Amino acid sequence: MGDFFSSVDFQELLAFAERHTLMVFVFIAVLAGLIYTQVRIMLANIKKLNSNVATAMINHENGVYVDVRPASLFTKGHIAGAVNIVLVDIKQGKLNRIESYKDKPVILVGKDKMDSDCFNAAVSLKKQGYTKVYSLEGGIAQWAMDNLPLSTKN
């Protein structure tokens, strides 16, 4: 079967890279982007909570849900008692509605498990001195799939 990194295989790999330079650069860029994203996620240390743990934390520790979705989606259905603050406002420090929650649980709610606004909002809140910042695992989509109630009242 031969060595995995034999000189012949390495020569073929170099020849391939010479023939497909653009593809190799794109692959390296995508790989670097993925590594950067994973390192950023690991260093941010934002814990994800399922709906049961999040609800218990809200009830027992007087926390708050912060829905980072646009107002148009928020009004169609949100967790009762949630505060709607979009990412731009969080980054700009427009946090007067949750100022009293700096040392209480703040659970961020996004669209789904892939909502980068939720992650970026959590990072921003931590930088602004909020000590107990979490993310709702699966966002509002998972909340709805768990058959938990949604409100349309503000």
C-alpha atoms as a PDB file:
ATOM      1  CA  MET A   1       0.000   0.000   0.000  1.00  0.00           C
ATOM      2  CA  GLY A   2       2.943   2.343   0.493  1.00  0.00           C
ATOM      3  CA  ASP A   3       3.527   5.311   2.751  1.00  0.00           C
ATOM      4  CA  PHE A   4       0.801   7.892   3.050  1.00  0.00           C
ATOM      5  CA  PHE A   5       3.248  10.734   2.394  1.00  0.00           C
ATOM      6  CA  SER A   6       5.494   9.112  -0.150  1.00  0.00           C
ATOM      7  CA  SER A   7       7.505  11.381  -2.432  1.00  0.00           C
ATOM      8  CA  VAL A   8       5.414  10.315  -5.454  1.00  0.00           C
ATOM      9  CA  ASP A   9       2.148  11.295  -3.712  1.00  0.00           C
ATOM     10  CA  PHE A  10       3.675  14.592  -2.630  1.00  0.00           C
ATOM     11  CA  GLN A  11       4.824  15.297  -6.207  1.00  0.00           C
ATOM     12  CA  GLU A  12       1.280  14.631  -7.445  1.00  0.00           C
ATOM     13  CA  LEU A  13      -0.136  16.913  -4.779  1.00  0.00           C
ATOM     14  CA  LEU A  14       2.212  19.727  -5.791  1.00  0.00           C
ATOM     15  CA  ALA A  15       1.350  19.213  -9.459  1.00  0.00           C
ATOM     16  CA  PHE A  16      -2.351  19.398  -8.616  1.00  0.00           C
ATOM     17  CA  ALA A  17      -1.801  22.605  -6.615  1.00  0.00           C
ATOM     18  CA  GLU A  18       0.092  24.169  -9.539  1.00  0.00           C
ATOM     19  CA  ARG A  19      -2.707  23.301 -11.973  1.00  0.00           C
ATOM     20  CA  HIS A  20      -5.492  24.481  -9.660  1.00  0.00           C
ATOM     21  CA  THR A  21      -3.962  27.429  -7.802  1.00  0.00           C
ATOM     22  CA  LEU A  22      -7.198  29.367  -7.409  1.00  0.00           C
ATOM     23  CA  MET A  23      -9.039  26.347  -6.027  1.00  0.00           C
ATOM     24  CA  VAL A  24      -6.237  25.707  -3.517  1.00  0.00           C
ATOM     25  CA  PHE A  25      -6.303  29.352  -2.353  1.00  0.00           C
ATOM     26  CA  VAL A  26     -10.091  29.245  -1.957  1.00  0.00           C
ATOM     27  CA  PHE A  27      -9.820  26.000   0.022  1.00  0.00           C
ATOM     28  CA  ILE A  28      -7.180  27.529   2.312  1.00  0.00           C
ATOM     29  CA  ALA A  29      -9.303  30.670   2.805  1.00  0.00           C
ATOM     30  CA  VAL A  30     -12.413  28.656   3.669  1.00  0.00           C
ATOM     31  CA  LEU A  31     -10.445  26.433   6.031  1.00  0.00           C
ATOM     32  CA  ALA A  32      -8.917  29.479   7.745  1.00  0.00           C
ATOM     33  CA  GLY A  33     -12.385  31.026   8.095  1.00  0.00           C
ATOM     34  CA  LEU A  34     -13.778  27.872   9.671  1.00  0.00           C
ATOM     35  CA  ILE A  35     -10.878  27.636  12.100  1.00  0.00           C
ATOM     36  CA  TYR A  36     -11.244  31.329  13.019  1.00  0.00           C
ATOM     37  CA  THR A  37     -14.976  30.898  13.650  1.00  0.00           C
ATOM     38  CA  GLN A  38     -14.498  27.808  15.813  1.00  0.00           C
ATOM     39  CA  VAL A  39     -11.756  29.446  17.875  1.00  0.00           C
ATOM     40  CA  ARG A  40     -13.919  32.540  18.356  1.00  0.00           C
ATOM     41  CA  ILE A  41     -16.855  30.390  19.541  1.00  0.00           C
ATOM     42  CA  MET A  42     -14.637  28.459  21.957  1.00  0.00           C
ATOM     43  CA  LEU A  43     -13.034  31.597  23.413  1.00  0.00           C
ATOM     44  CA  ALA A  44     -16.379  33.404  23.828  1.00  0.00           C
ATOM     45  CA  ASN A  45     -17.625  30.626  26.117  1.00  0.00           C
ATOM     46  CA  ILE A  46     -21.323  31.367  25.594  1.00  0.00           C
ATOM     47  CA  LYS A  47     -23.331  28.555  27.147  1.00  0.00           C
ATOM     48  CA  LYS A  48     -26.444  27.309  25.391  1.00  0.00           C
ATOM     49  CA  LEU A  49     -29.453  26.412  27.492  1.00  0.00           C
ATOM     50  CA  ASN A  50     -32.377  24.223  26.500  1.00  0.00           C
ATOM     51  CA  SER A  51     -35.871  25.602  27.064  1.00  0.00           C
ATOM     52  CA  ASN A  52     -36.378  23.778  30.394  1.00  0.00           C
ATOM     53  CA  VAL A  53     -33.152  25.027  31.972  1.00  0.00           C
ATOM     54  CA  ALA A  54     -33.671  28.526  30.552  1.00  0.00           C
ATOM     55  CA  THR A  55     -37.204  28.760  31.956  1.00  0.00           C
ATOM     56  CA  ALA A  56     -36.072  27.538  35.364  1.00  0.00           C
ATOM     57  CA  MET A  57     -33.263  30.100  35.378  1.00  0.00           C
ATOM     58  CA  ILE A  58     -35.648  32.909  34.414  1.00  0.00           C
ATOM     59  CA  ASN A  59     -38.123  31.907  37.141  1.00  0.00           C
ATOM     60  CA  HIS A  60     -35.688  31.194  39.991  1.00  0.00           C
ATOM     61  CA  GLU A  61     -33.034  33.824  39.338  1.00  0.00           C
ATOM     62  CA  ASN A  62     -35.236  36.630  37.975  1.00  0.00           C
ATOM     63  CA  GLY A  63     -33.616  36.621  34.564  1.00  0.00           C
ATOM     64  CA  VAL A  64     -34.833  37.961  31.257  1.00  0.00           C
ATOM     65  CA  TYR A  65     -35.201  36.707  27.705  1.00  0.00           C
ATOM     66  CA  VAL A  66     -33.758  39.116  25.128  1.00  0.00           C
ATOM     67  CA  ASP A  67     -35.063  38.422  21.639  1.00  0.00           C
ATOM     68  CA  VAL A  68     -32.551  39.667  19.055  1.00  0.00           C
ATOM     69  CA  ARG A  69     -34.771  39.086  16.032  1.00  0.00           C
ATOM     70  CA  PRO A  70     -36.125  42.034  14.025  1.00  0.00           C
ATOM     71  CA  ALA A  71     -39.274  43.656  15.430  1.00  0.00           C
ATOM     72  CA  SER A  72     -41.315  42.325  12.490  1.00  0.00           C
ATOM     73  CA  LEU A  73     -40.565  38.730  13.564  1.00  0.00           C
ATOM     74  CA  PHE A  74     -40.845  39.512  17.270  1.00  0.00           C
ATOM     75  CA  THR A  75     -44.425  40.773  16.902  1.00  0.00           C
ATOM     76  CA  LYS A  76     -45.468  37.595  15.068  1.00  0.00           C
ATOM     77  CA  GLY A  77     -44.600  35.503  18.125  1.00  0.00           C
ATOM     78  CA  HIS A  78     -42.134  35.650  21.007  1.00  0.00           C
ATOM     79  CA  ILE A  79     -41.590  34.238  24.481  1.00  0.00           C
ATOM     80  CA  ALA A  80     -43.889  35.934  26.985  1.00  0.00           C
ATOM     81  CA  GLY A  81     -42.026  38.645  28.878  1.00  0.00           C
ATOM     82  CA  ALA A  82     -39.170  38.775  26.386  1.00  0.00           C
ATOM     83  CA  VAL A  83     -37.556  42.106  25.555  1.00  0.00           C
ATOM     84  CA  ASN A  84     -36.839  42.820  21.895  1.00  0.00           C
ATOM     85  CA  ILE A  85     -33.402  44.387  21.354  1.00  0.00           C
ATOM     86  CA  VAL A  86     -31.713  43.871  17.984  1.00  0.00           C
ATOM     87  CA  LEU A  87     -27.977  43.293  17.600  1.00  0.00           C
ATOM     88  CA  VAL A  88     -27.241  46.813  16.335  1.00  0.00           C
ATOM     89  CA  ASP A  89     -28.792  48.342  19.458  1.00  0.00           C
ATOM     90  CA  ILE A  90     -26.920  45.932  21.718  1.00  0.00           C
ATOM     91  CA  LYS A  91     -23.622  46.813  20.078  1.00  0.00           C
ATOM     92  CA  GLN A  92     -24.423  50.525  20.456  1.00  0.00           C
ATOM     93  CA  GLY A  93     -25.147  50.037  24.169  1.00  0.00           C
ATOM     94  CA  LYS A  94     -28.859  50.857  23.951  1.00  0.00           C
ATOM     95  CA  LEU A  95     -29.640  48.584  26.870  1.00  0.00           C
ATOM     96  CA  ASN A  96     -31.749  50.738  29.197  1.00  0.00           C
ATOM     97  CA  ARG A  97     -34.555  48.108  29.211  1.00  0.00           C
ATOM     98  CA  ILE A  98     -32.212  45.449  30.606  1.00  0.00           C
ATOM     99  CA  GLU A  99     -29.800  47.604  32.618  1.00  0.00           C
ATOM    100  CA  SER A 100     -31.018  46.036  35.883  1.00  0.00           C
ATOM    101  CA  TYR A 101     -30.035  42.547  34.657  1.00  0.00           C
ATOM    102  CA  LYS A 102     -26.231  43.021  34.638  1.00  0.00           C
ATOM    103  CA  ASP A 103     -25.788  40.335  37.316  1.00  0.00           C
ATOM    104  CA  LYS A 104     -28.864  38.261  36.501  1.00  0.00           C
ATOM    105  CA  PRO A 105     -29.399  35.710  33.743  1.00  0.00           C
ATOM    106  CA  VAL A 106     -29.814  37.228  30.288  1.00  0.00           C
ATOM    107  CA  ILE A 107     -30.900  34.558  27.828  1.00  0.00           C
ATOM    108  CA  LEU A 108     -30.633  35.573  24.199  1.00  0.00           C
ATOM    109  CA  VAL A 109     -33.173  34.257  21.720  1.00  0.00           C
ATOM    110  CA  GLY A 110     -32.482  34.116  17.995  1.00  0.00           C
ATOM    111  CA  LYS A 111     -34.294  32.687  14.987  1.00  0.00           C
ATOM    112  CA  ASP A 112     -32.754  29.235  15.160  1.00  0.00           C
ATOM    113  CA  LYS A 113     -29.583  27.409  16.120  1.00  0.00           C
ATOM    114  CA  MET A 114     -27.631  29.056  13.294  1.00  0.00           C
ATOM    115  CA  ASP A 115     -28.472  32.675  14.241  1.00  0.00           C
ATOM    116  CA  SER A 116     -25.161  34.518  14.374  1.00  0.00           C
ATOM    117  CA  ASP A 117     -26.863  37.652  15.744  1.00  0.00           C
ATOM    118  CA  CYS A 118     -27.545  35.743  18.944  1.00  0.00           C
ATOM    119  CA  PHE A 119     -23.890  34.777  19.359  1.00  0.00           C
ATOM    120  CA  ASN A 120     -22.629  38.265  18.485  1.00  0.00           C
ATOM    121  CA  ALA A 121     -25.116  39.854  20.886  1.00  0.00           C
ATOM    122  CA  ALA A 122     -23.926  37.548  23.676  1.00  0.00           C
ATOM    123  CA  VAL A 123     -20.295  38.486  23.049  1.00  0.00           C
ATOM    124  CA  SER A 124     -21.207  42.183  23.036  1.00  0.00           C
ATOM    125  CA  LEU A 125     -23.202  41.944  26.272  1.00  0.00           C
ATOM    126  CA  LYS A 126     -20.299  40.205  28.003  1.00  0.00           C
ATOM    127  CA  LYS A 127     -17.965  42.986  26.870  1.00  0.00           C
ATOM    128  CA  GLN A 128     -20.421  45.511  28.328  1.00  0.00           C
ATOM    129  CA  GLY A 129     -20.292  43.916  31.773  1.00  0.00           C
ATOM    130  CA  TYR A 130     -23.186  41.469  31.786  1.00  0.00           C
ATOM    131  CA  THR A 131     -22.048  38.501  33.843  1.00  0.00           C
ATOM    132  CA  LYS A 132     -24.640  35.776  33.179  1.00  0.00           C
ATOM    133  CA  VAL A 133     -25.190  35.707  29.434  1.00  0.00           C
ATOM    134  CA  TYR A 134     -26.606  32.610  27.763  1.00  0.00           C
ATOM    135  CA  SER A 135     -28.110  31.608  24.446  1.00  0.00           C
ATOM    136  CA  LEU A 136     -31.367  29.687  24.015  1.00  0.00           C
ATOM    137  CA  GLU A 137     -30.419  26.500  22.221  1.00  0.00           C
ATOM    138  CA  GLY A 138     -32.232  26.293  18.887  1.00  0.00           C
ATOM    139  CA  GLY A 139     -33.713  29.773  19.259  1.00  0.00           C
ATOM    140  CA  ILE A 140     -37.386  30.531  18.851  1.00  0.00           C
ATOM    141  CA  ALA A 141     -37.685  27.738  16.257  1.00  0.00           C
ATOM    142  CA  GLN A 142     -36.795  25.093  18.872  1.00  0.00           C
ATOM    143  CA  TRP A 143     -39.040  26.785  21.433  1.00  0.00           C
ATOM    144  CA  ALA A 144     -41.972  26.446  19.013  1.00  0.00           C
ATOM    145  CA  MET A 145     -41.032  22.838  18.137  1.00  0.00           C
ATOM    146  CA  ASP A 146     -41.105  22.049  21.869  1.00  0.00           C
ATOM    147  CA  ASN A 147     -44.757  23.259  21.815  1.00  0.00           C
ATOM    148  CA  LEU A 148     -44.031  26.042  24.260  1.00  0.00           C
ATOM    149  CA  PRO A 149     -46.280  29.102  24.205  1.00  0.00           C
ATOM    150  CA  LEU A 150     -45.624  32.158  22.068  1.00  0.00           C
ATOM    151  CA  SER A 151     -47.123  35.561  22.716  1.00  0.00           C
ATOM    152  CA  THR A 152     -48.007  38.355  20.302  1.00  0.00           C
ATOM    153  CA  LYS A 153     -48.522  40.932  23.053  1.00  0.00           C
ATOM    154  CA  ASN A 154     -45.863  43.570  23.751  1.00  0.00           C
END
